[in-house]
Amino acid sequence: MQPSHTFGMQATHAFASQASLAPLMNSASRVQKRRHEGDDEQQPRRPLSRDASMDRSPPPERPRKALVKRARMTQADLPGRLQSKENKSPGAEEEEHDVDVGVLLANLPPQSLLPMLTALVTQQPQLKRTILNLIPRPTLESALQTLATAAKKLSDSYPYSGPQAPAPTFGFGASAPSPFAQPQQHQPMRESYITDRLRPHVDEFVSACTSYLPYFSYTTTPAPGKPKEKPHAMETYLFLEALTQHVYAQQPLSQASLAQAFLPRLMEEWAAWVEGVDEVVNRQGGMYGSDVVRSWERGLDYFAGRDGEWSQGMRGVRNRWVVKVGWLVGRSQPMEL
């Protein structure tokens, strides 16, 4: 039976060859499967039918990782989006020519305009001259009112120390003052303490004076923003007289502080006014009323006759005025006081 034996050997050989090829085929199929999966990740997914999508559903780890990554990106971008939204102003969305600044300023409360202008001048100092030229010339009444307000603040800020009067008591049981009671002694305050208390109010008064002086000044070197035309001599005198009178009404320490900050400037303004009157009367042939000139004479004599550092400066102003235009009132020599 040789054919049967041959058939058995062939069957056995075929079975062995299939068994040996099985591992190779399985590994090849796994490699091909991984290759297809890599291609699917690199290439965009094409829509599948409902059955195919159900058969080839991805493992649960992939969509979970994608969702976590997307959530992290959203949280990271959220602060930047909020910040850009907060920083976005209406002017960034519209053209500048579509915004009428006048309408916006007209609806603002008046107290908010001063901080805006102050901040604008601080950021761009070159705008100060432009703003000064746009401000209308203040009247003499408004300037004198500002000086009076600043002078009152300075006077009220002076610290006083003295015995306090006992509160009166009335009715049954009121005790009579003892004849043996010793009066309380109050130690005077130090000058340095008083000066420190006065400093901000002195600065405020000087600032008010120097802010309005350019509009009533005869100096040849005007401050920035000063109008070109010279004021009337009577207006300048009334302004300088009120300013000097406010200084004389202060306490001695206040006057000393003002002298350090403002005395040379005020004497310069007075001297310039005398030169201006001399120019009008002796060179241009102008004249002033006798009542006006007499009021100038009385005021200058009053300031020159006081004691103190300020009076020394005003004495020189009065003497120069008498020499220049004293003949208007019949005076040619300064009065010795």
Protein backbone atom coordinates (compact mmCIF):
# COMPACT_ATOMS: atom_id res chain seq x y z
CA MET A 1 0.00 0.00 0.00
CA GLN A 2 2.56 2.55 -1.05
CA PRO A 3 0.12 5.18 -2.31
CA SER A 4 -1.57 5.42 1.07
CA HIS A 5 1.72 5.89 2.81
CA THR A 6 2.66 8.60 0.34
CA PHE A 7 -0.66 10.35 0.92
CA GLY A 8 -0.12 10.31 4.66
CA MET A 9 3.34 11.80 4.35
CA GLN A 10 2.04 14.59 2.12
CA ALA A 11 -0.75 15.42 4.54
CA THR A 12 1.67 15.47 7.42
CA HIS A 13 4.06 17.75 5.52
CA ALA A 14 1.28 20.16 4.55
CA PHE A 15 0.02 20.38 8.13
CA ALA A 16 3.52 21.05 9.38
CA SER A 17 4.13 23.80 6.82
CA GLN A 18 0.85 25.50 7.74
CA ALA A 19 1.69 25.30 11.42
CA SER A 20 5.12 26.86 10.82
CA LEU A 21 3.67 29.67 8.69
CA ALA A 22 0.95 30.61 11.19
CA PRO A 23 3.16 32.73 13.50
CA LEU A 24 4.61 34.61 10.57
CA MET A 25 1.18 35.40 9.19
CA ASN A 26 -0.05 36.58 12.58
CA SER A 27 2.93 38.90 13.07
CA ALA A 28 2.54 40.28 9.55
CA SER A 29 -1.14 40.99 10.19
CA ARG A 30 -0.29 42.80 13.43
CA VAL A 31 2.34 44.93 11.66
CA GLN A 32 -0.14 45.78 8.92
CA LYS A 33 -2.78 46.63 11.50
CA ARG A 34 -0.43 49.01 13.29
CA ARG A 35 0.49 50.58 9.96
CA HIS A 36 -3.14 51.20 9.18
CA GLU A 37 -3.69 52.73 12.60
CA GLY A 38 -0.73 55.09 12.09
CA ASP A 39 -2.08 56.13 8.71
CA ASP A 40 -5.45 56.81 10.27
CA GLU A 41 -3.89 59.13 12.82
CA GLN A 42 -1.90 61.08 10.20
CA GLN A 43 -4.68 61.34 7.63
CA PRO A 44 -8.03 63.00 8.33
CA ARG A 45 -10.77 60.58 9.15
CA ARG A 46 -13.39 60.06 6.50
CA PRO A 47 -17.01 59.71 7.56
CA LEU A 48 -17.99 56.12 8.06
CA SER A 49 -21.27 54.45 8.01
CA ARG A 50 -23.08 53.75 11.22
CA ASP A 51 -22.14 50.06 11.18
CA ALA A 52 -18.50 50.73 10.35
CA SER A 53 -18.20 53.37 13.03
CA MET A 54 -19.64 50.98 15.56
CA ASP A 55 -17.26 48.21 14.47
CA ARG A 56 -14.18 50.47 14.48
CA SER A 57 -14.83 52.55 17.59
CA PRO A 58 -11.59 53.96 19.04
CA PRO A 59 -10.38 52.89 22.42
CA PRO A 60 -11.68 54.98 25.33
CA GLU A 61 -8.26 56.51 26.14
CA ARG A 62 -8.01 58.66 22.96
CA PRO A 63 -11.12 60.87 23.25
CA ARG A 64 -10.48 61.31 26.96
CA LYS A 65 -6.98 62.65 26.33
CA ALA A 66 -8.24 64.96 23.60
CA LEU A 67 -10.92 66.40 25.87
CA VAL A 68 -8.44 67.03 28.68
CA LYS A 69 -6.02 68.75 26.32
CA ARG A 70 -8.77 70.92 24.85
CA ALA A 71 -9.94 71.91 28.32
CA ARG A 72 -6.40 72.91 29.32
CA MET A 73 -6.04 75.08 26.24
CA THR A 74 -9.36 76.80 26.93
CA GLN A 75 -8.41 77.56 30.54
CA ALA A 76 -5.02 78.90 29.48
CA ASP A 77 -6.56 81.23 26.89
CA LEU A 78 -9.33 82.50 29.19
CA PRO A 79 -7.28 85.13 31.14
CA GLY A 80 -5.87 86.58 27.95
CA ARG A 81 -9.30 86.85 26.40
CA LEU A 82 -10.73 88.51 29.48
CA GLN A 83 -7.82 90.93 29.71
CA SER A 84 -8.07 91.89 26.06
CA LYS A 85 -11.79 92.42 26.48
CA GLU A 86 -11.31 94.61 29.53
CA ASN A 87 -8.55 96.68 27.91
CA LYS A 88 -10.56 97.24 24.77
CA SER A 89 -11.84 100.80 24.73
CA PRO A 90 -14.67 102.22 22.61
CA GLY A 91 -12.14 104.19 20.58
CA ALA A 92 -10.46 100.95 19.48
CA GLU A 93 -13.67 99.76 17.84
CA GLU A 94 -14.55 103.04 16.17
CA GLU A 95 -12.64 105.55 14.14
CA GLU A 96 -11.31 108.57 16.03
CA HIS A 97 -13.16 111.01 13.82
CA ASP A 98 -16.45 109.41 14.82
CA VAL A 99 -15.95 110.38 18.49
CA ASP A 100 -16.96 113.95 19.36
CA VAL A 101 -14.80 114.91 22.34
CA GLY A 102 -16.87 118.03 22.91
CA VAL A 103 -20.00 115.99 23.53
CA LEU A 104 -18.18 113.80 26.04
CA LEU A 105 -16.64 116.76 27.86
CA ALA A 106 -19.94 118.64 27.98
CA ASN A 107 -21.56 115.78 29.88
CA LEU A 108 -18.76 115.39 32.42
CA PRO A 109 -19.13 116.93 35.88
CA PRO A 110 -17.07 120.13 36.27
CA GLN A 111 -15.01 118.69 39.12
CA SER A 112 -13.61 115.97 36.84
CA LEU A 113 -12.15 118.41 34.30
CA LEU A 114 -9.38 119.72 36.56
CA PRO A 115 -7.80 116.27 37.20
CA MET A 116 -7.97 115.53 33.47
CA LEU A 117 -6.22 118.77 32.49
CA THR A 118 -3.66 118.38 35.25
CA ALA A 119 -2.83 114.84 34.13
CA LEU A 120 -2.64 116.01 30.51
CA VAL A 121 -0.17 118.80 31.32
CA THR A 122 1.86 116.42 33.50
CA GLN A 123 2.18 113.89 30.68
CA GLN A 124 2.78 116.53 27.99
CA PRO A 125 4.36 119.67 29.53
CA GLN A 126 4.55 121.38 26.15
CA LEU A 127 0.77 121.84 26.27
CA LYS A 128 0.99 124.24 29.22
CA ARG A 129 1.57 127.30 27.04
CA THR A 130 -1.30 126.31 24.74
CA ILE A 131 -3.71 125.92 27.64
CA LEU A 132 -2.61 129.23 29.18
CA ASN A 133 -3.28 131.02 25.91
CA LEU A 134 -6.78 129.52 25.79
CA ILE A 135 -7.69 130.60 29.33
CA PRO A 136 -9.49 133.97 29.26
CA ARG A 137 -7.92 136.85 31.14
CA PRO A 138 -9.21 136.85 34.72
CA THR A 139 -10.94 139.93 36.02
CA LEU A 140 -9.52 141.98 38.85
CA GLU A 141 -12.42 140.98 41.09
CA SER A 142 -11.82 137.25 40.61
CA ALA A 143 -8.08 137.66 41.23
CA LEU A 144 -8.65 139.63 44.44
CA GLN A 145 -11.16 137.04 45.64
CA THR A 146 -8.63 134.25 45.09
CA LEU A 147 -5.96 136.17 47.01
CA ALA A 148 -8.35 136.82 49.89
CA THR A 149 -9.27 133.13 50.12
CA ALA A 150 -5.63 131.99 50.13
CA ALA A 151 -4.68 134.65 52.70
CA LYS A 152 -7.49 133.59 55.02
CA LYS A 153 -6.37 129.95 54.84
CA LEU A 154 -2.84 131.02 55.73
CA SER A 155 -4.03 133.13 58.64
CA ASP A 156 -6.33 130.40 59.99
CA SER A 157 -3.57 127.80 59.81
CA TYR A 158 -1.37 129.62 62.32
CA PRO A 159 -1.17 127.50 65.50
CA TYR A 160 -1.87 129.37 68.72
CA SER A 161 -1.06 128.24 72.24
CA GLY A 162 -2.54 129.95 75.27
CA PRO A 163 -4.50 129.36 78.45
CA GLN A 164 -8.00 128.07 77.89
CA ALA A 165 -10.72 129.89 79.77
CA PRO A 166 -12.60 127.63 82.22
CA ALA A 167 -16.11 126.71 81.23
CA PRO A 168 -18.67 128.74 83.20
CA THR A 169 -20.79 126.83 85.72
CA PHE A 170 -24.16 127.93 86.94
CA GLY A 171 -26.66 126.76 89.56
CA PHE A 172 -26.40 125.12 92.94
CA GLY A 173 -23.08 123.51 93.79
CA ALA A 174 -20.88 125.65 91.62
CA SER A 175 -17.45 125.93 93.18
CA ALA A 176 -15.84 129.33 93.52
CA PRO A 177 -12.28 129.78 92.24
CA SER A 178 -9.65 129.36 94.92
CA PRO A 179 -7.53 132.45 95.64
CA PHE A 180 -4.50 130.19 96.11
CA ALA A 181 -4.74 128.51 92.70
CA GLN A 182 -1.61 128.93 90.61
CA PRO A 183 -2.04 130.06 87.00
CA GLN A 184 -1.20 127.39 84.44
CA GLN A 185 1.98 128.00 82.51
CA HIS A 186 1.94 127.06 78.82
CA GLN A 187 5.21 126.38 77.11
CA PRO A 188 5.45 128.30 73.83
CA MET A 189 5.64 126.27 70.66
CA ARG A 190 8.89 126.04 68.79
CA GLU A 191 9.32 128.18 65.71
CA SER A 192 10.33 125.16 63.65
CA TYR A 193 7.04 123.46 64.48
CA ILE A 194 5.05 126.55 63.52
CA THR A 195 7.00 126.96 60.29
CA ASP A 196 6.34 123.35 59.32
CA ARG A 197 2.64 123.82 59.96
CA LEU A 198 2.56 126.97 57.85
CA ARG A 199 4.63 125.70 54.91
CA PRO A 200 1.84 124.16 52.77
CA HIS A 201 -0.40 127.20 53.26
CA VAL A 202 2.46 129.56 52.48
CA ASP A 203 3.08 127.64 49.26
CA GLU A 204 -0.62 127.84 48.39
CA PHE A 205 -0.69 131.61 48.92
CA VAL A 206 2.48 132.13 46.86
CA SER A 207 1.07 129.92 44.11
CA ALA A 208 -2.10 132.00 43.96
CA CYS A 209 -0.05 135.20 43.76
CA THR A 210 2.31 134.01 41.04
CA SER A 211 -0.56 132.53 39.01
CA TYR A 212 -2.40 135.86 38.73
CA LEU A 213 0.60 138.21 38.64
CA PRO A 214 1.29 137.75 34.90
CA TYR A 215 -2.10 139.31 34.10
CA PHE A 216 -1.35 142.48 36.13
CA SER A 217 2.42 142.73 35.72
CA TYR A 218 4.62 145.41 34.17
CA THR A 219 7.76 143.27 34.13
CA THR A 220 9.72 143.16 30.89
CA THR A 221 10.12 139.38 31.05
CA PRO A 222 6.56 138.07 31.26
CA ALA A 223 5.77 134.59 32.44
CA PRO A 224 4.57 131.96 29.92
CA GLY A 225 1.04 132.63 28.81
CA LYS A 226 1.02 136.28 29.88
CA PRO A 227 -1.07 138.50 27.58
CA LYS A 228 0.89 140.84 25.34
CA GLU A 229 -1.02 144.03 26.18
CA LYS A 230 -0.07 145.83 29.37
CA PRO A 231 -2.75 146.24 32.01
CA HIS A 232 -3.94 149.61 33.24
CA ALA A 233 -1.77 151.15 35.94
CA MET A 234 -4.72 151.43 38.32
CA GLU A 235 -5.53 147.70 38.00
CA THR A 236 -1.93 146.76 38.66
CA TYR A 237 -1.75 149.01 41.69
CA LEU A 238 -4.96 147.60 43.19
CA PHE A 239 -3.71 144.05 42.72
CA LEU A 240 -0.27 144.76 44.23
CA GLU A 241 -1.82 146.77 47.06
CA ALA A 242 -4.20 143.94 48.02
CA LEU A 243 -1.39 141.39 47.82
CA THR A 244 0.91 143.47 50.03
CA GLN A 245 -1.88 144.17 52.49
CA HIS A 246 -2.55 140.43 52.86
CA VAL A 247 1.13 139.91 53.66
CA TYR A 248 1.13 142.66 56.28
CA ALA A 249 -1.93 141.12 57.96
CA GLN A 250 -0.12 137.84 58.68
CA GLN A 251 1.76 136.87 61.82
CA PRO A 252 5.51 137.66 62.00
CA LEU A 253 6.54 134.05 61.35
CA SER A 254 4.20 133.88 58.37
CA GLN A 255 5.67 137.11 57.02
CA ALA A 256 9.18 135.71 57.43
CA SER A 257 8.24 132.56 55.51
CA LEU A 258 6.63 134.63 52.77
CA ALA A 259 9.69 136.88 52.58
CA GLN A 260 11.93 133.93 51.79
CA ALA A 261 9.65 132.72 49.02
CA PHE A 262 8.13 135.87 47.56
CA LEU A 263 9.69 139.15 48.72
CA PRO A 264 12.13 139.66 45.77
CA ARG A 265 9.41 138.92 43.23
CA LEU A 266 6.94 141.35 44.79
CA MET A 267 9.54 144.14 45.01
CA GLU A 268 10.36 143.55 41.34
CA GLU A 269 6.69 143.90 40.42
CA TRP A 270 6.35 147.14 42.40
CA ALA A 271 9.48 148.58 40.76
CA ALA A 272 8.18 147.64 37.30
CA TRP A 273 4.89 149.37 38.06
CA VAL A 274 6.73 152.58 39.03
CA GLU A 275 8.67 152.45 35.76
CA GLY A 276 5.42 151.93 33.86
CA VAL A 277 3.81 155.00 35.43
CA ASP A 278 6.97 156.98 34.72
CA GLU A 279 6.84 155.89 31.07
CA VAL A 280 3.26 157.04 30.64
CA VAL A 281 3.60 160.36 32.47
CA ASN A 282 7.12 161.58 31.62
CA ARG A 283 7.71 160.05 28.17
CA GLN A 284 4.32 159.56 26.57
CA GLY A 285 2.67 162.68 27.98
CA GLY A 286 -0.14 160.79 29.67
CA MET A 287 -1.87 161.86 32.85
CA TYR A 288 -3.78 160.27 35.71
CA GLY A 289 -6.50 161.78 37.83
CA SER A 290 -5.51 163.56 40.99
CA ASP A 291 -7.65 161.26 43.15
CA VAL A 292 -5.94 158.22 41.67
CA VAL A 293 -2.46 159.62 42.25
CA ARG A 294 -3.34 160.64 45.82
CA SER A 295 -4.53 157.11 46.58
CA TRP A 296 -1.22 155.77 45.29
CA GLU A 297 0.67 158.18 47.52
CA ARG A 298 -1.27 157.21 50.65
CA GLY A 299 -0.85 153.50 50.00
CA LEU A 300 2.89 153.68 49.38
CA ASP A 301 3.44 155.84 52.47
CA TYR A 302 1.49 153.35 54.58
CA PHE A 303 3.53 150.34 53.41
CA ALA A 304 6.81 152.23 53.79
CA GLY A 305 6.01 153.39 57.33
CA ARG A 306 5.61 149.93 58.85
CA ASP A 307 8.32 147.95 60.60
CA GLY A 308 9.90 144.80 59.30
CA GLU A 309 11.64 143.38 56.29
CA TRP A 310 8.74 144.01 53.95
CA SER A 311 8.58 147.68 54.89
CA GLN A 312 12.24 148.14 54.08
CA GLY A 313 11.61 146.98 50.53
CA MET A 314 8.46 149.09 50.19
CA ARG A 315 10.34 152.14 51.46
CA GLY A 316 12.62 151.92 48.46
CA VAL A 317 9.62 151.59 46.14
CA ARG A 318 7.95 154.65 47.66
CA ASN A 319 11.09 156.76 47.38
CA ARG A 320 11.54 155.83 43.74
CA TRP A 321 7.93 156.70 42.98
CA VAL A 322 8.33 160.14 44.58
CA VAL A 323 11.45 160.82 42.52
CA LYS A 324 9.81 159.74 39.25
CA VAL A 325 6.24 161.04 39.45
CA GLY A 326 5.97 162.77 42.84
CA TRP A 327 5.58 166.09 41.08
CA LEU A 328 2.01 165.04 40.20
CA VAL A 329 1.05 165.65 43.85
CA GLY A 330 3.60 168.35 44.59
CA ARG A 331 6.26 166.07 46.09
CA SER A 332 9.80 166.06 44.87
CA GLN A 333 11.64 164.59 47.83
CA PRO A 334 10.89 161.33 49.65
CA MET A 335 9.30 161.70 53.05
CA GLU A 336 11.60 160.62 55.86
CA LEU A 337 9.82 158.23 58.23
